[in-house]
Amino acid sequence: SGDHWHGFGDLAPGFNMLDPIKATIITPGLDMSGSFGETGIPAALVSKYLAEHGVVVEKTGLY
């Protein structure tokens, strides 16, 4: 709190901002029971596409 280097303004007391630049992309297809849906995009394909277009992919998984 009070730091201005990140450009995100003041944080509320007790609030933690871990990493405001990361994004999580959830692709449809595999549900919580482990069953595949009728439609979906495999996360590995999305990761490959993003990496080929200059996005740094940190990790990809079935979670």
PDB file of N, CA and C in Angstrom:
ATOM      1  N   SER A   1       0.842  -1.187   0.000  1.00  0.00           N
ATOM      2  CA  SER A   1       0.000   0.000   0.000  1.00  0.00           C
ATOM      3  C   SER A   1       0.881   1.242   0.000  1.00  0.00           C
ATOM      4  N   GLY A   2       0.496   2.236  -0.744  1.00  0.00           N
ATOM      5  CA  GLY A   2       1.257   3.474  -0.797  1.00  0.00           C
ATOM      6  C   GLY A   2       2.324   3.485  -1.873  1.00  0.00           C
ATOM      7  N   ASP A   3       2.640   2.328  -2.470  1.00  0.00           N
ATOM      8  CA  ASP A   3       3.611   2.290  -3.558  1.00  0.00           C
ATOM      9  C   ASP A   3       2.935   2.731  -4.852  1.00  0.00           C
ATOM     10  N   HIS A   4       3.671   3.454  -5.663  1.00  0.00           N
ATOM     11  CA  HIS A   4       3.082   3.963  -6.900  1.00  0.00           C
ATOM     12  C   HIS A   4       3.709   3.358  -8.147  1.00  0.00           C
ATOM     13  N   TRP A   5       4.752   2.517  -7.979  1.00  0.00           N
ATOM     14  CA  TRP A   5       5.461   1.963  -9.127  1.00  0.00           C
ATOM     15  C   TRP A   5       4.575   1.091 -10.003  1.00  0.00           C
ATOM     16  N   HIS A   6       3.559   0.428  -9.420  1.00  0.00           N
ATOM     17  CA  HIS A   6       2.745  -0.509 -10.186  1.00  0.00           C
ATOM     18  C   HIS A   6       1.603   0.159 -10.935  1.00  0.00           C
ATOM     19  N   GLY A   7       1.246   1.371 -10.580  1.00  0.00           N
ATOM     20  CA  GLY A   7       0.214   2.102 -11.305  1.00  0.00           C
ATOM     21  C   GLY A   7      -1.209   1.666 -11.045  1.00  0.00           C
ATOM     22  N   PHE A   8      -1.463   0.879  -9.996  1.00  0.00           N
ATOM     23  CA  PHE A   8      -2.807   0.393  -9.727  1.00  0.00           C
ATOM     24  C   PHE A   8      -3.500   1.121  -8.582  1.00  0.00           C
ATOM     25  N   GLY A   9      -2.939   2.186  -8.086  1.00  0.00           N
ATOM     26  CA  GLY A   9      -3.585   2.958  -7.035  1.00  0.00           C
ATOM     27  C   GLY A   9      -3.467   2.308  -5.666  1.00  0.00           C
ATOM     28  N   ASP A  10      -4.132   2.913  -4.688  1.00  0.00           N
ATOM     29  CA  ASP A  10      -4.077   2.410  -3.312  1.00  0.00           C
ATOM     30  C   ASP A  10      -4.926   1.152  -3.152  1.00  0.00           C
ATOM     31  N   LEU A  11      -4.473   0.268  -2.284  1.00  0.00           N
ATOM     32  CA  LEU A  11      -5.215  -0.945  -1.968  1.00  0.00           C
ATOM     33  C   LEU A  11      -5.962  -0.746  -0.662  1.00  0.00           C
ATOM     34  N   ALA A  12      -7.107  -1.382  -0.541  1.00  0.00           N
ATOM     35  CA  ALA A  12      -7.877  -1.317   0.696  1.00  0.00           C
ATOM     36  C   ALA A  12      -7.100  -2.021   1.807  1.00  0.00           C
ATOM     37  N   PRO A  13      -7.249  -1.584   3.047  1.00  0.00           N
ATOM     38  CA  PRO A  13      -6.559  -2.242   4.165  1.00  0.00           C
ATOM     39  C   PRO A  13      -6.886  -3.738   4.205  1.00  0.00           C
ATOM     40  N   GLY A  14      -5.859  -4.558   4.354  1.00  0.00           N
ATOM     41  CA  GLY A  14      -6.052  -6.003   4.422  1.00  0.00           C
ATOM     42  C   GLY A  14      -6.167  -6.691   3.075  1.00  0.00           C
ATOM     43  N   PHE A  15      -6.098  -5.938   1.979  1.00  0.00           N
ATOM     44  CA  PHE A  15      -6.225  -6.515   0.646  1.00  0.00           C
ATOM     45  C   PHE A  15      -4.841  -6.788   0.081  1.00  0.00           C
ATOM     46  N   ASN A  16      -4.648  -7.958  -0.522  1.00  0.00           N
ATOM     47  CA  ASN A  16      -3.372  -8.312  -1.144  1.00  0.00           C
ATOM     48  C   ASN A  16      -3.556  -8.444  -2.647  1.00  0.00           C
ATOM     49  N   MET A  17      -2.674  -7.844  -3.402  1.00  0.00           N
ATOM     50  CA  MET A  17      -2.686  -8.002  -4.848  1.00  0.00           C
ATOM     51  C   MET A  17      -1.444  -8.813  -5.202  1.00  0.00           C
ATOM     52  N   LEU A  18      -1.647 -10.071  -5.599  1.00  0.00           N
ATOM     53  CA  LEU A  18      -0.515 -10.948  -5.846  1.00  0.00           C
ATOM     54  C   LEU A  18       0.211 -10.602  -7.141  1.00  0.00           C
ATOM     55  N   ASP A  19      -0.493 -10.543  -8.236  1.00  0.00           N
ATOM     56  CA  ASP A  19       0.118 -10.202  -9.514  1.00  0.00           C
ATOM     57  C   ASP A  19      -0.963  -9.680 -10.450  1.00  0.00           C
ATOM     58  N   PRO A  20      -1.054  -8.382 -10.613  1.00  0.00           N
ATOM     59  CA  PRO A  20      -2.131  -7.806 -11.420  1.00  0.00           C
ATOM     60  C   PRO A  20      -1.954  -8.006 -12.917  1.00  0.00           C
ATOM     61  N   ILE A  21      -0.841  -8.565 -13.353  1.00  0.00           N
ATOM     62  CA  ILE A  21      -0.579  -8.714 -14.774  1.00  0.00           C
ATOM     63  C   ILE A  21      -0.931 -10.113 -15.283  1.00  0.00           C
ATOM     64  N   LYS A  22      -1.007 -11.101 -14.417  1.00  0.00           N
ATOM     65  CA  LYS A  22      -1.303 -12.467 -14.842  1.00  0.00           C
ATOM     66  C   LYS A  22      -2.773 -12.608 -15.206  1.00  0.00           C
ATOM     67  N   ALA A  23      -3.034 -13.504 -16.133  1.00  0.00           N
ATOM     68  CA  ALA A  23      -4.407 -13.807 -16.526  1.00  0.00           C
ATOM     69  C   ALA A  23      -4.591 -15.318 -16.516  1.00  0.00           C
ATOM     70  N   THR A  24      -5.734 -15.767 -16.070  1.00  0.00           N
ATOM     71  CA  THR A  24      -6.069 -17.180 -16.117  1.00  0.00           C
ATOM     72  C   THR A  24      -7.143 -17.369 -17.177  1.00  0.00           C
ATOM     73  N   ILE A  25      -6.896 -18.290 -18.093  1.00  0.00           N
ATOM     74  CA  ILE A  25      -7.859 -18.579 -19.155  1.00  0.00           C
ATOM     75  C   ILE A  25      -8.414 -19.971 -18.897  1.00  0.00           C
ATOM     76  N   ILE A  26      -9.713 -20.063 -18.770  1.00  0.00           N
ATOM     77  CA  ILE A  26     -10.365 -21.348 -18.548  1.00  0.00           C
ATOM     78  C   ILE A  26     -11.035 -21.751 -19.852  1.00  0.00           C
ATOM     79  N   THR A  27     -10.639 -22.903 -20.384  1.00  0.00           N
ATOM     80  CA  THR A  27     -11.229 -23.363 -21.638  1.00  0.00           C
ATOM     81  C   THR A  27     -12.295 -24.406 -21.331  1.00  0.00           C
ATOM     82  N   PRO A  28     -13.447 -24.341 -21.987  1.00  0.00           N
ATOM     83  CA  PRO A  28     -14.496 -25.328 -21.741  1.00  0.00           C
ATOM     84  C   PRO A  28     -14.077 -26.686 -22.295  1.00  0.00           C
ATOM     85  N   GLY A  29     -14.649 -27.717 -21.755  1.00  0.00           N
ATOM     86  CA  GLY A  29     -14.380 -29.047 -22.274  1.00  0.00           C
ATOM     87  C   GLY A  29     -14.330 -30.105 -21.195  1.00  0.00           C
ATOM     88  N   LEU A  30     -13.515 -29.921 -20.163  1.00  0.00           N
ATOM     89  CA  LEU A  30     -13.383 -30.892 -19.081  1.00  0.00           C
ATOM     90  C   LEU A  30     -14.032 -30.307 -17.834  1.00  0.00           C
ATOM     91  N   ASP A  31     -15.036 -31.019 -17.291  1.00  0.00           N
ATOM     92  CA  ASP A  31     -15.722 -30.470 -16.120  1.00  0.00           C
ATOM     93  C   ASP A  31     -15.107 -31.003 -14.824  1.00  0.00           C
ATOM     94  N   MET A  32     -15.664 -30.599 -13.702  1.00  0.00           N
ATOM     95  CA  MET A  32     -15.117 -30.945 -12.392  1.00  0.00           C
ATOM     96  C   MET A  32     -15.166 -32.451 -12.108  1.00  0.00           C
ATOM     97  N   SER A  33     -16.059 -33.175 -12.773  1.00  0.00           N
ATOM     98  CA  SER A  33     -16.152 -34.625 -12.559  1.00  0.00           C
ATOM     99  C   SER A  33     -15.186 -35.401 -13.449  1.00  0.00           C
ATOM    100  N   GLY A  34     -14.484 -34.689 -14.342  1.00  0.00           N
ATOM    101  CA  GLY A  34     -13.545 -35.347 -15.244  1.00  0.00           C
ATOM    102  C   GLY A  34     -14.158 -35.781 -16.556  1.00  0.00           C
ATOM    103  N   SER A  35     -15.414 -35.403 -16.784  1.00  0.00           N
ATOM    104  CA  SER A  35     -16.093 -35.737 -18.033  1.00  0.00           C
ATOM    105  C   SER A  35     -15.875 -34.638 -19.062  1.00  0.00           C
ATOM    106  N   PHE A  36     -15.787 -35.039 -20.319  1.00  0.00           N
ATOM    107  CA  PHE A  36     -15.629 -34.060 -21.388  1.00  0.00           C
ATOM    108  C   PHE A  36     -16.987 -33.554 -21.847  1.00  0.00           C
ATOM    109  N   GLY A  37     -17.075 -32.251 -22.102  1.00  0.00           N
ATOM    110  CA  GLY A  37     -18.288 -31.647 -22.612  1.00  0.00           C
ATOM    111  C   GLY A  37     -18.399 -31.852 -24.111  1.00  0.00           C
ATOM    112  N   GLU A  38     -19.513 -31.415 -24.672  1.00  0.00           N
ATOM    113  CA  GLU A  38     -19.732 -31.560 -26.112  1.00  0.00           C
ATOM    114  C   GLU A  38     -18.791 -30.674 -26.917  1.00  0.00           C
ATOM    115  N   THR A  39     -18.453 -29.512 -26.370  1.00  0.00           N
ATOM    116  CA  THR A  39     -17.552 -28.601 -27.068  1.00  0.00           C
ATOM    117  C   THR A  39     -16.412 -28.231 -26.141  1.00  0.00           C
ATOM    118  N   GLY A  40     -15.366 -27.730 -26.730  1.00  0.00           N
ATOM    119  CA  GLY A  40     -14.237 -27.292 -25.922  1.00  0.00           C
ATOM    120  C   GLY A  40     -12.985 -27.129 -26.766  1.00  0.00           C
ATOM    121  N   ILE A  41     -12.024 -26.439 -26.215  1.00  0.00           N
ATOM    122  CA  ILE A  41     -10.736 -26.229 -26.868  1.00  0.00           C
ATOM    123  C   ILE A  41      -9.672 -26.768 -25.923  1.00  0.00           C
ATOM    124  N   PRO A  42      -8.859 -27.725 -26.360  1.00  0.00           N
ATOM    125  CA  PRO A  42      -7.804 -28.231 -25.480  1.00  0.00           C
ATOM    126  C   PRO A  42      -6.855 -27.108 -25.056  1.00  0.00           C
ATOM    127  N   ALA A  43      -6.559 -27.058 -23.774  1.00  0.00           N
ATOM    128  CA  ALA A  43      -5.707 -25.995 -23.238  1.00  0.00           C
ATOM    129  C   ALA A  43      -4.340 -25.976 -23.907  1.00  0.00           C
ATOM    130  N   ALA A  44      -3.825 -27.144 -24.300  1.00  0.00           N
ATOM    131  CA  ALA A  44      -2.518 -27.202 -24.956  1.00  0.00           C
ATOM    132  C   ALA A  44      -2.533 -26.437 -26.281  1.00  0.00           C
ATOM    133  N   LEU A  45      -3.650 -26.494 -27.000  1.00  0.00           N
ATOM    134  CA  LEU A  45      -3.755 -25.751 -28.261  1.00  0.00           C
ATOM    135  C   LEU A  45      -3.816 -24.247 -28.016  1.00  0.00           C
ATOM    136  N   VAL A  46      -4.565 -23.851 -27.004  1.00  0.00           N
ATOM    137  CA  VAL A  46      -4.647 -22.426 -26.666  1.00  0.00           C
ATOM    138  C   VAL A  46      -3.268 -21.920 -26.243  1.00  0.00           C
ATOM    139  N   SER A  47      -2.568 -22.698 -25.433  1.00  0.00           N
ATOM    140  CA  SER A  47      -1.227 -22.310 -24.985  1.00  0.00           C
ATOM    141  C   SER A  47      -0.269 -22.165 -26.160  1.00  0.00           C
ATOM    142  N   LYS A  48      -0.308 -23.119 -27.078  1.00  0.00           N
ATOM    143  CA  LYS A  48       0.566 -23.074 -28.259  1.00  0.00           C
ATOM    144  C   LYS A  48       0.272 -21.829 -29.089  1.00  0.00           C
ATOM    145  N   TYR A  49      -1.004 -21.548 -29.314  1.00  0.00           N
ATOM    146  CA  TYR A  49      -1.395 -20.365 -30.085  1.00  0.00           C
ATOM    147  C   TYR A  49      -0.893 -19.088 -29.413  1.00  0.00           C
ATOM    148  N   LEU A  50      -1.121 -18.966 -28.108  1.00  0.00           N
ATOM    149  CA  LEU A  50      -0.690 -17.769 -27.390  1.00  0.00           C
ATOM    150  C   LEU A  50       0.827 -17.609 -27.440  1.00  0.00           C
ATOM    151  N   ALA A  51       1.555 -18.711 -27.246  1.00  0.00           N
ATOM    152  CA  ALA A  51       3.019 -18.653 -27.277  1.00  0.00           C
ATOM    153  C   ALA A  51       3.526 -18.216 -28.649  1.00  0.00           C
ATOM    154  N   GLU A  52       2.885 -18.697 -29.706  1.00  0.00           N
ATOM    155  CA  GLU A  52       3.289 -18.326 -31.067  1.00  0.00           C
ATOM    156  C   GLU A  52       2.976 -16.872 -31.388  1.00  0.00           C
ATOM    157  N   HIS A  53       2.134 -16.255 -30.570  1.00  0.00           N
ATOM    158  CA  HIS A  53       1.760 -14.853 -30.788  1.00  0.00           C
ATOM    159  C   HIS A  53       2.331 -13.934 -29.709  1.00  0.00           C
ATOM    160  N   GLY A  54       3.413 -14.361 -29.081  1.00  0.00           N
ATOM    161  CA  GLY A  54       4.156 -13.487 -28.181  1.00  0.00           C
ATOM    162  C   GLY A  54       3.715 -13.441 -26.734  1.00  0.00           C
ATOM    163  N   VAL A  55       2.774 -14.294 -26.342  1.00  0.00           N
ATOM    164  CA  VAL A  55       2.329 -14.324 -24.946  1.00  0.00           C
ATOM    165  C   VAL A  55       3.171 -15.353 -24.198  1.00  0.00           C
ATOM    166  N   VAL A  56       3.727 -14.970 -23.060  1.00  0.00           N
ATOM    167  CA  VAL A  56       4.522 -15.900 -22.257  1.00  0.00           C
ATOM    168  C   VAL A  56       3.562 -16.773 -21.447  1.00  0.00           C
ATOM    169  N   VAL A  57       3.546 -18.053 -21.749  1.00  0.00           N
ATOM    170  CA  VAL A  57       2.673 -19.003 -21.058  1.00  0.00           C
ATOM    171  C   VAL A  57       3.457 -19.603 -19.897  1.00  0.00           C
ATOM    172  N   GLU A  58       2.960 -19.394 -18.687  1.00  0.00           N
ATOM    173  CA  GLU A  58       3.665 -19.897 -17.504  1.00  0.00           C
ATOM    174  C   GLU A  58       3.412 -21.374 -17.284  1.00  0.00           C
ATOM    175  N   LYS A  59       2.166 -21.785 -17.385  1.00  0.00           N
ATOM    176  CA  LYS A  59       1.837 -23.194 -17.189  1.00  0.00           C
ATOM    177  C   LYS A  59       0.487 -23.495 -17.811  1.00  0.00           C
ATOM    178  N   THR A  60       0.290 -24.760 -18.119  1.00  0.00           N
ATOM    179  CA  THR A  60      -0.962 -25.248 -18.678  1.00  0.00           C
ATOM    180  C   THR A  60      -1.274 -26.560 -17.980  1.00  0.00           C
ATOM    181  N   GLY A  61      -2.524 -26.757 -17.578  1.00  0.00           N
ATOM    182  CA  GLY A  61      -2.849 -27.998 -16.893  1.00  0.00           C
ATOM    183  C   GLY A  61      -4.322 -28.324 -16.939  1.00  0.00           C
ATOM    184  N   LEU A  62      -4.645 -29.518 -16.476  1.00  0.00           N
ATOM    185  CA  LEU A  62      -6.039 -29.986 -16.418  1.00  0.00           C
ATOM    186  C   LEU A  62      -6.589 -29.793 -15.016  1.00  0.00           C
ATOM    187  N   TYR A  63      -6.631 -28.569 -14.543  1.00  0.00           N
ATOM    188  CA  TYR A  63      -7.127 -28.304 -13.197  1.00  0.00           C
ATOM    189  C   TYR A  63      -8.222 -27.278 -13.225  1.00  0.00           C
TER     190      TYR A  63
END
